Amino acid sequence: MSADTPSKPAPSYPRDPDNDLTTRDLAERYGVSLVADGGWFRKGIIPPEHAYRVPVLRANGIVGLEWRVPAAALADFQPPDPKGGRPRREDTP
């Protein structure tokens, strides 16, 4: 993208903490651990303009923050390759 081309603003999705997807929902949807999909939020793999945190009351009585994302914001989302990492080095003779 050149400096002359204005960037498109990201689409806006309404936030509904009661119905938006949680990290548990994402883990089930994409078959990954809660730790992995929580990392997607922290690393910005899930677009930060769509993700947000809401206060929730935990079982131990402490109020914590939980990630949420509208389902519509994930329409084109492709999760990272679970194998990830650096490719193997080819052994050359």
Protein backbone atom coordinates (compact mmCIF):
# COMPACT_ATOMS: atom_id res chain seq x y z
CA MET A 1 0.00 0.00 0.00
CA SER A 2 1.45 3.36 -0.97
CA ALA A 3 1.46 6.46 1.18
CA ASP A 4 -1.06 8.04 -1.22
CA THR A 5 -3.63 5.29 -0.73
CA PRO A 6 -5.79 5.82 2.33
CA SER A 7 -6.26 2.69 4.39
CA LYS A 8 -9.75 1.30 4.73
CA PRO A 9 -11.16 1.41 8.24
CA ALA A 10 -11.88 -2.00 9.71
CA PRO A 11 -15.55 -2.95 9.66
CA SER A 12 -17.33 -2.26 12.89
CA TYR A 13 -19.26 -5.03 14.64
CA PRO A 14 -21.68 -4.37 17.48
CA ARG A 15 -20.49 -5.65 20.84
CA ASP A 16 -22.82 -7.88 22.79
CA PRO A 17 -20.95 -9.41 25.75
CA ASP A 18 -23.82 -11.81 26.47
CA ASN A 19 -23.74 -13.36 22.98
CA ASP A 20 -20.24 -12.72 21.60
CA LEU A 21 -17.75 -15.59 21.53
CA THR A 22 -15.52 -16.25 24.53
CA THR A 23 -12.11 -17.93 24.55
CA ARG A 24 -13.86 -21.20 25.46
CA ASP A 25 -16.17 -20.84 22.44
CA LEU A 26 -13.20 -20.20 20.15
CA ALA A 27 -11.26 -23.15 21.55
CA GLU A 28 -14.20 -25.45 20.81
CA ARG A 29 -14.83 -23.94 17.36
CA TYR A 30 -11.22 -24.25 16.17
CA GLY A 31 -10.16 -27.32 18.16
CA VAL A 32 -7.38 -25.64 20.14
CA SER A 33 -6.59 -25.16 23.82
CA LEU A 34 -7.76 -22.16 25.82
CA VAL A 35 -4.13 -21.13 26.16
CA ALA A 36 -3.65 -21.14 22.39
CA ASP A 37 -6.66 -19.05 21.54
CA GLY A 38 -5.99 -16.67 24.43
CA GLY A 39 -2.61 -16.15 22.79
CA TRP A 40 -4.36 -15.25 19.53
CA PHE A 41 -5.86 -12.23 21.29
CA ARG A 42 -2.62 -11.19 22.98
CA LYS A 43 -0.58 -11.59 19.77
CA GLY A 44 -3.13 -9.72 17.63
CA ILE A 45 -3.92 -12.75 15.43
CA ILE A 46 -7.56 -12.03 16.10
CA PRO A 47 -7.86 -8.40 14.94
CA PRO A 48 -7.56 -6.18 18.01
CA GLU A 49 -10.15 -3.76 16.65
CA HIS A 50 -12.75 -6.54 17.08
CA ALA A 51 -11.62 -8.14 20.34
CA TYR A 52 -12.46 -6.66 23.70
CA ARG A 53 -12.45 -7.67 27.36
CA VAL A 54 -15.35 -7.71 29.77
CA PRO A 55 -15.37 -8.11 33.54
CA VAL A 56 -16.64 -11.50 34.72
CA LEU A 57 -17.13 -12.95 38.18
CA ARG A 58 -14.98 -16.05 38.59
CA ALA A 59 -15.92 -19.09 40.70
CA ASN A 60 -13.51 -17.95 43.43
CA GLY A 61 -15.38 -14.65 43.80
CA ILE A 62 -12.73 -12.54 42.06
CA VAL A 63 -13.72 -10.32 39.15
CA GLY A 64 -11.46 -10.90 36.16
CA LEU A 65 -11.39 -9.87 32.52
CA GLU A 66 -12.38 -12.24 29.73
CA TRP A 67 -11.83 -11.83 25.99
CA ARG A 68 -14.87 -11.56 23.70
CA VAL A 69 -15.21 -11.21 19.94
CA PRO A 70 -18.34 -10.90 17.79
CA ALA A 71 -18.93 -14.04 15.69
CA ALA A 72 -19.39 -11.91 12.56
CA ALA A 73 -15.85 -10.55 12.99
CA LEU A 74 -14.51 -14.08 12.47
CA ALA A 75 -16.27 -14.75 9.16
CA ASP A 76 -12.96 -14.69 7.22
CA PHE A 77 -10.70 -15.71 10.11
CA GLN A 78 -8.17 -18.45 9.40
CA PRO A 79 -6.50 -19.81 12.52
CA PRO A 80 -2.72 -20.20 12.42
CA ASP A 81 -1.23 -23.55 11.49
CA PRO A 82 -1.20 -25.55 14.73
CA LYS A 83 2.21 -26.99 13.88
CA GLY A 84 3.54 -23.48 13.37
CA GLY A 85 7.10 -22.68 14.23
CA ARG A 86 10.13 -22.56 12.05
CA PRO A 87 10.34 -24.94 9.08
CA ARG A 88 12.78 -27.82 9.31
CA ARG A 89 16.25 -27.20 8.05
CA GLU A 90 16.98 -29.16 4.93
CA ASP A 91 20.08 -31.31 5.30
CA THR A 92 22.23 -30.73 2.27
CA PRO A 93 25.16 -32.99 1.42
